[in-house]
Amino acid sequence: MTYSLNFRRKVHSFRKKEGLTIEQVVLHFGVDVASVTRWLNKLEPAKGRNKPATRIDMAALARDVETYPDAYQYERAKRLGVSERGIGHALRRMGVTYKKAYNIQRRTPTDGVIFKV
């Protein structure tokens, strides 16, 4: 759970104004010791995580997508030696989606005529 910036400032100013220890602040506000300690170093919450892929070579994945555009993720994972889930996350980072239109034939209940969706 992320605490709001206003709450963090309130805890920090209360601690400074009253001259309390971290343990006393924790008991007063009911937050975790690690949270208060972390707030002493950096008050603002993190906006996001900017961590690059560690095992997946993004250039090799881009080549694989270009070479095999209709491949399944498990096939890419096997070729690159990583997990299917990792391939899914990497494809999302690259902005690659697979929204395909399929020709599905259906019959209407009244006339039995086949039409394509």
N, C-alpha and C. Protein backbone atom coordinates (compact mmCIF):
# COMPACT_ATOMS: atom_id res chain seq x y z
N MET A 1 0.84 -1.17 0.00
CA MET A 1 0.00 0.00 0.00
C MET A 1 0.89 1.24 0.00
N THR A 2 0.57 2.18 -0.82
CA THR A 2 1.32 3.43 -0.88
C THR A 2 0.60 4.48 -0.06
N TYR A 3 1.34 5.08 0.85
CA TYR A 3 0.77 6.17 1.65
C TYR A 3 0.89 7.48 0.87
N SER A 4 -0.06 8.36 1.07
CA SER A 4 -0.05 9.63 0.34
C SER A 4 1.11 10.50 0.82
N LEU A 5 1.46 11.43 -0.02
CA LEU A 5 2.55 12.34 0.30
C LEU A 5 2.19 13.22 1.49
N ASN A 6 0.91 13.61 1.59
CA ASN A 6 0.48 14.42 2.73
C ASN A 6 0.65 13.67 4.05
N PHE A 7 0.29 12.39 4.05
CA PHE A 7 0.44 11.58 5.26
C PHE A 7 1.91 11.44 5.62
N ARG A 8 2.75 11.21 4.65
CA ARG A 8 4.19 11.08 4.90
C ARG A 8 4.76 12.35 5.50
N ARG A 9 4.33 13.49 4.94
CA ARG A 9 4.81 14.77 5.48
C ARG A 9 4.32 14.97 6.91
N LYS A 10 3.09 14.57 7.18
CA LYS A 10 2.52 14.70 8.52
C LYS A 10 3.32 13.87 9.51
N VAL A 11 3.64 12.62 9.15
CA VAL A 11 4.42 11.75 10.02
C VAL A 11 5.80 12.35 10.25
N HIS A 12 6.43 12.84 9.18
CA HIS A 12 7.78 13.39 9.27
C HIS A 12 7.80 14.66 10.14
N SER A 13 6.84 15.55 9.93
CA SER A 13 6.82 16.79 10.72
C SER A 13 6.45 16.51 12.18
N PHE A 14 5.56 15.55 12.42
CA PHE A 14 5.20 15.19 13.78
C PHE A 14 6.41 14.64 14.53
N ARG A 15 7.20 13.82 13.84
CA ARG A 15 8.41 13.25 14.46
C ARG A 15 9.41 14.34 14.81
N LYS A 16 9.61 15.30 13.88
CA LYS A 16 10.56 16.39 14.13
C LYS A 16 10.06 17.32 15.23
N LYS A 17 8.77 17.65 15.20
CA LYS A 17 8.21 18.60 16.15
C LYS A 17 8.20 18.04 17.58
N GLU A 18 7.83 16.78 17.72
CA GLU A 18 7.74 16.16 19.05
C GLU A 18 9.07 15.56 19.51
N GLY A 19 10.02 15.40 18.60
CA GLY A 19 11.31 14.82 18.97
C GLY A 19 11.20 13.34 19.32
N LEU A 20 10.39 12.61 18.58
CA LEU A 20 10.15 11.20 18.87
C LEU A 20 11.12 10.30 18.11
N THR A 21 11.25 9.08 18.62
CA THR A 21 12.02 8.08 17.91
C THR A 21 11.14 7.44 16.85
N ILE A 22 11.76 6.66 15.98
CA ILE A 22 11.00 5.98 14.93
C ILE A 22 9.99 5.01 15.54
N GLU A 23 10.39 4.30 16.59
CA GLU A 23 9.50 3.34 17.23
C GLU A 23 8.26 4.03 17.81
N GLN A 24 8.44 5.20 18.40
CA GLN A 24 7.31 5.93 18.96
C GLN A 24 6.36 6.42 17.85
N VAL A 25 6.93 6.86 16.74
CA VAL A 25 6.11 7.30 15.61
C VAL A 25 5.32 6.11 15.05
N VAL A 26 5.97 4.97 14.97
CA VAL A 26 5.32 3.76 14.46
C VAL A 26 4.13 3.40 15.34
N LEU A 27 4.30 3.46 16.64
CA LEU A 27 3.20 3.14 17.55
C LEU A 27 2.07 4.16 17.46
N HIS A 28 2.41 5.42 17.27
CA HIS A 28 1.40 6.48 17.22
C HIS A 28 0.57 6.41 15.94
N PHE A 29 1.23 6.21 14.78
CA PHE A 29 0.53 6.23 13.49
C PHE A 29 0.13 4.85 12.98
N GLY A 30 0.71 3.80 13.52
CA GLY A 30 0.37 2.45 13.09
C GLY A 30 0.91 2.07 11.73
N VAL A 31 2.08 2.56 11.39
CA VAL A 31 2.73 2.18 10.14
C VAL A 31 3.95 1.33 10.46
N ASP A 32 4.55 0.75 9.43
CA ASP A 32 5.68 -0.14 9.63
C ASP A 32 6.98 0.65 9.84
N VAL A 33 7.89 0.06 10.57
CA VAL A 33 9.19 0.69 10.85
C VAL A 33 9.95 0.94 9.56
N ALA A 34 9.90 -0.02 8.63
CA ALA A 34 10.62 0.13 7.37
C ALA A 34 10.10 1.31 6.57
N SER A 35 8.79 1.52 6.62
CA SER A 35 8.21 2.65 5.87
C SER A 35 8.71 3.98 6.42
N VAL A 36 8.67 4.15 7.73
CA VAL A 36 9.11 5.40 8.33
C VAL A 36 10.60 5.62 8.07
N THR A 37 11.39 4.57 8.17
CA THR A 37 12.83 4.67 7.92
C THR A 37 13.09 5.08 6.47
N ARG A 38 12.34 4.48 5.55
CA ARG A 38 12.50 4.81 4.14
C ARG A 38 12.09 6.26 3.87
N TRP A 39 11.06 6.74 4.57
CA TRP A 39 10.60 8.12 4.38
C TRP A 39 11.62 9.14 4.87
N LEU A 40 12.49 8.75 5.80
CA LEU A 40 13.53 9.66 6.26
C LEU A 40 14.52 9.94 5.15
N ASN A 41 14.75 8.96 4.27
CA ASN A 41 15.69 9.14 3.15
C ASN A 41 15.03 9.81 1.96
N LYS A 42 13.81 9.38 1.65
CA LYS A 42 13.11 9.91 0.48
C LYS A 42 11.63 9.98 0.80
N LEU A 43 11.10 11.18 0.82
CA LEU A 43 9.72 11.39 1.23
C LEU A 43 8.73 11.09 0.10
N GLU A 44 9.08 11.39 -1.13
CA GLU A 44 8.16 11.20 -2.25
C GLU A 44 8.07 9.73 -2.64
N PRO A 45 6.87 9.26 -2.96
CA PRO A 45 6.73 7.87 -3.42
C PRO A 45 7.31 7.71 -4.82
N ALA A 46 7.75 6.49 -5.12
CA ALA A 46 8.31 6.21 -6.43
C ALA A 46 7.21 6.23 -7.48
N LYS A 47 7.49 6.84 -8.62
CA LYS A 47 6.51 6.94 -9.70
C LYS A 47 6.39 5.64 -10.46
N GLY A 48 7.45 4.92 -10.60
CA GLY A 48 7.44 3.68 -11.36
C GLY A 48 8.80 3.03 -11.27
N ARG A 49 8.92 1.98 -11.98
CA ARG A 49 10.15 1.23 -11.96
C ARG A 49 10.74 1.21 -13.35
N ASN A 50 11.94 1.67 -13.50
CA ASN A 50 12.59 1.70 -14.81
C ASN A 50 13.70 0.66 -14.81
N LYS A 51 13.29 -0.58 -15.02
CA LYS A 51 14.26 -1.67 -14.99
C LYS A 51 14.28 -2.34 -16.36
N PRO A 52 15.42 -2.39 -17.01
CA PRO A 52 15.48 -3.04 -18.32
C PRO A 52 15.40 -4.55 -18.19
N ALA A 53 15.14 -5.21 -19.30
CA ALA A 53 15.11 -6.67 -19.32
C ALA A 53 16.50 -7.21 -18.98
N THR A 54 16.55 -8.22 -18.17
CA THR A 54 17.85 -8.74 -17.74
C THR A 54 18.27 -9.97 -18.53
N ARG A 55 17.34 -10.87 -18.86
CA ARG A 55 17.71 -12.08 -19.56
C ARG A 55 17.40 -12.03 -21.04
N ILE A 56 16.41 -11.26 -21.42
CA ILE A 56 15.96 -11.27 -22.80
C ILE A 56 16.70 -10.21 -23.60
N ASP A 57 17.34 -10.65 -24.66
CA ASP A 57 18.00 -9.72 -25.57
C ASP A 57 16.92 -9.10 -26.45
N MET A 58 16.63 -7.82 -26.24
CA MET A 58 15.53 -7.17 -26.95
C MET A 58 15.79 -7.10 -28.45
N ALA A 59 17.04 -6.97 -28.87
CA ALA A 59 17.36 -6.95 -30.30
C ALA A 59 17.07 -8.31 -30.91
N ALA A 60 17.43 -9.39 -30.21
CA ALA A 60 17.15 -10.73 -30.71
C ALA A 60 15.64 -10.99 -30.77
N LEU A 61 14.91 -10.48 -29.78
CA LEU A 61 13.46 -10.63 -29.79
C LEU A 61 12.85 -9.86 -30.96
N ALA A 62 13.35 -8.67 -31.23
CA ALA A 62 12.84 -7.89 -32.38
C ALA A 62 13.11 -8.63 -33.69
N ARG A 63 14.29 -9.23 -33.82
CA ARG A 63 14.60 -10.01 -35.02
C ARG A 63 13.67 -11.22 -35.13
N ASP A 64 13.40 -11.86 -33.99
CA ASP A 64 12.53 -13.02 -33.98
C ASP A 64 11.10 -12.65 -34.38
N VAL A 65 10.63 -11.51 -33.91
CA VAL A 65 9.29 -11.05 -34.27
C VAL A 65 9.22 -10.75 -35.76
N GLU A 66 10.28 -10.18 -36.29
CA GLU A 66 10.30 -9.86 -37.72
C GLU A 66 10.40 -11.12 -38.57
N THR A 67 11.20 -12.09 -38.12
CA THR A 67 11.39 -13.33 -38.87
C THR A 67 10.16 -14.23 -38.79
N TYR A 68 9.60 -14.37 -37.59
CA TYR A 68 8.45 -15.24 -37.37
C TYR A 68 7.29 -14.40 -36.82
N PRO A 69 6.58 -13.68 -37.67
CA PRO A 69 5.55 -12.77 -37.15
C PRO A 69 4.34 -13.48 -36.54
N ASP A 70 4.06 -14.72 -36.94
CA ASP A 70 2.90 -15.44 -36.43
C ASP A 70 3.24 -16.49 -35.39
N ALA A 71 4.44 -16.44 -34.84
CA ALA A 71 4.86 -17.45 -33.87
C ALA A 71 4.16 -17.25 -32.53
N TYR A 72 3.96 -18.35 -31.84
CA TYR A 72 3.40 -18.29 -30.49
C TYR A 72 4.49 -17.90 -29.49
N GLN A 73 4.06 -17.44 -28.32
CA GLN A 73 5.04 -17.00 -27.33
C GLN A 73 5.87 -18.16 -26.81
N TYR A 74 5.28 -19.34 -26.70
CA TYR A 74 6.06 -20.48 -26.20
C TYR A 74 7.14 -20.87 -27.20
N GLU A 75 6.88 -20.65 -28.51
CA GLU A 75 7.91 -20.93 -29.52
C GLU A 75 9.05 -19.92 -29.41
N ARG A 76 8.69 -18.65 -29.22
CA ARG A 76 9.74 -17.64 -29.05
C ARG A 76 10.56 -17.92 -27.79
N ALA A 77 9.88 -18.31 -26.73
CA ALA A 77 10.57 -18.59 -25.47
C ALA A 77 11.56 -19.74 -25.64
N LYS A 78 11.16 -20.74 -26.37
CA LYS A 78 12.06 -21.88 -26.59
C LYS A 78 13.27 -21.46 -27.42
N ARG A 79 13.03 -20.65 -28.47
CA ARG A 79 14.14 -20.20 -29.32
C ARG A 79 15.12 -19.31 -28.56
N LEU A 80 14.61 -18.45 -27.69
CA LEU A 80 15.47 -17.50 -26.97
C LEU A 80 15.95 -18.03 -25.62
N GLY A 81 15.41 -19.15 -25.18
CA GLY A 81 15.86 -19.75 -23.92
C GLY A 81 15.39 -19.02 -22.68
N VAL A 82 14.17 -18.48 -22.73
CA VAL A 82 13.60 -17.78 -21.58
C VAL A 82 12.18 -18.29 -21.35
N SER A 83 11.51 -17.72 -20.34
CA SER A 83 10.16 -18.17 -20.02
C SER A 83 9.13 -17.52 -20.94
N GLU A 84 7.96 -18.18 -21.04
CA GLU A 84 6.87 -17.63 -21.84
C GLU A 84 6.37 -16.31 -21.26
N ARG A 85 6.30 -16.26 -19.95
CA ARG A 85 5.84 -15.05 -19.28
C ARG A 85 6.79 -13.88 -19.55
N GLY A 86 8.09 -14.17 -19.54
CA GLY A 86 9.08 -13.14 -19.83
C GLY A 86 8.94 -12.61 -21.25
N ILE A 87 8.63 -13.52 -22.19
CA ILE A 87 8.40 -13.11 -23.57
C ILE A 87 7.19 -12.19 -23.65
N GLY A 88 6.14 -12.54 -22.92
CA GLY A 88 4.94 -11.72 -22.92
C GLY A 88 5.20 -10.32 -22.41
N HIS A 89 5.95 -10.23 -21.32
CA HIS A 89 6.28 -8.91 -20.75
C HIS A 89 7.16 -8.11 -21.71
N ALA A 90 8.13 -8.80 -22.34
CA ALA A 90 9.04 -8.10 -23.26
C ALA A 90 8.29 -7.61 -24.50
N LEU A 91 7.36 -8.42 -25.00
CA LEU A 91 6.57 -7.98 -26.15
C LEU A 91 5.71 -6.78 -25.80
N ARG A 92 5.18 -6.76 -24.58
CA ARG A 92 4.39 -5.62 -24.14
C ARG A 92 5.26 -4.37 -24.07
N ARG A 93 6.50 -4.52 -23.57
CA ARG A 93 7.42 -3.37 -23.51
C ARG A 93 7.74 -2.85 -24.91
N MET A 94 7.83 -3.77 -25.88
CA MET A 94 8.12 -3.38 -27.25
C MET A 94 6.91 -2.78 -27.95
N GLY A 95 5.74 -3.01 -27.39
CA GLY A 95 4.52 -2.50 -28.02
C GLY A 95 3.98 -3.42 -29.10
N VAL A 96 4.36 -4.68 -29.06
CA VAL A 96 3.90 -5.65 -30.05
C VAL A 96 2.65 -6.32 -29.52
N THR A 97 1.57 -6.25 -30.31
CA THR A 97 0.33 -6.94 -29.94
C THR A 97 -0.10 -7.83 -31.09
N TYR A 98 -0.88 -8.81 -30.77
CA TYR A 98 -1.40 -9.72 -31.78
C TYR A 98 -2.91 -9.73 -31.70
N LYS A 99 -3.53 -8.77 -32.32
CA LYS A 99 -4.98 -8.72 -32.41
C LYS A 99 -5.32 -9.14 -33.83
N LYS A 100 -5.79 -10.35 -33.98
CA LYS A 100 -6.06 -10.87 -35.30
C LYS A 100 -7.56 -10.98 -35.51
N ALA A 101 -8.00 -10.75 -36.71
CA ALA A 101 -9.40 -10.92 -37.07
C ALA A 101 -9.57 -12.31 -37.67
N TYR A 102 -10.41 -13.11 -37.10
CA TYR A 102 -10.67 -14.45 -37.58
C TYR A 102 -11.99 -14.47 -38.35
N ASN A 103 -12.06 -15.24 -39.37
CA ASN A 103 -13.30 -15.42 -40.12
C ASN A 103 -14.10 -16.54 -39.46
N ILE A 104 -15.11 -16.17 -38.73
CA ILE A 104 -15.94 -17.13 -38.02
C ILE A 104 -17.28 -17.19 -38.74
N GLN A 105 -17.68 -18.39 -39.09
CA GLN A 105 -18.96 -18.55 -39.77
C GLN A 105 -20.02 -18.90 -38.75
N ARG A 106 -21.16 -18.20 -38.83
CA ARG A 106 -22.26 -18.45 -37.92
C ARG A 106 -23.56 -18.56 -38.71
N ARG A 107 -24.48 -19.25 -38.13
CA ARG A 107 -25.82 -19.36 -38.73
C ARG A 107 -26.77 -18.53 -37.89
N THR A 108 -27.66 -17.86 -38.57
CA THR A 108 -28.71 -17.15 -37.85
C THR A 108 -29.77 -18.16 -37.44
N PRO A 109 -30.38 -18.00 -36.28
CA PRO A 109 -31.36 -18.99 -35.83
C PRO A 109 -32.64 -19.03 -36.68
N THR A 110 -32.94 -17.94 -37.38
CA THR A 110 -34.21 -17.90 -38.11
C THR A 110 -34.11 -18.47 -39.51
N ASP A 111 -33.10 -18.08 -40.27
CA ASP A 111 -33.07 -18.51 -41.68
C ASP A 111 -31.99 -19.53 -41.98
N GLY A 112 -31.07 -19.76 -41.07
CA GLY A 112 -30.03 -20.75 -41.30
C GLY A 112 -29.00 -20.34 -42.31
N VAL A 113 -28.95 -19.06 -42.67
CA VAL A 113 -27.99 -18.57 -43.64
C VAL A 113 -26.64 -18.37 -42.95
N ILE A 114 -25.58 -18.78 -43.60
CA ILE A 114 -24.24 -18.62 -43.03
C ILE A 114 -23.72 -17.24 -43.40
N PHE A 115 -23.17 -16.55 -42.43
CA PHE A 115 -22.54 -15.25 -42.69
C PHE A 115 -21.23 -15.19 -41.95
N LYS A 116 -20.34 -14.31 -42.41
CA LYS A 116 -19.04 -14.15 -41.76
C LYS A 116 -19.06 -12.95 -40.86
N VAL A 117 -18.43 -13.10 -39.69
CA VAL A 117 -18.36 -12.02 -38.72
C VAL A 117 -17.11 -11.22 -38.95
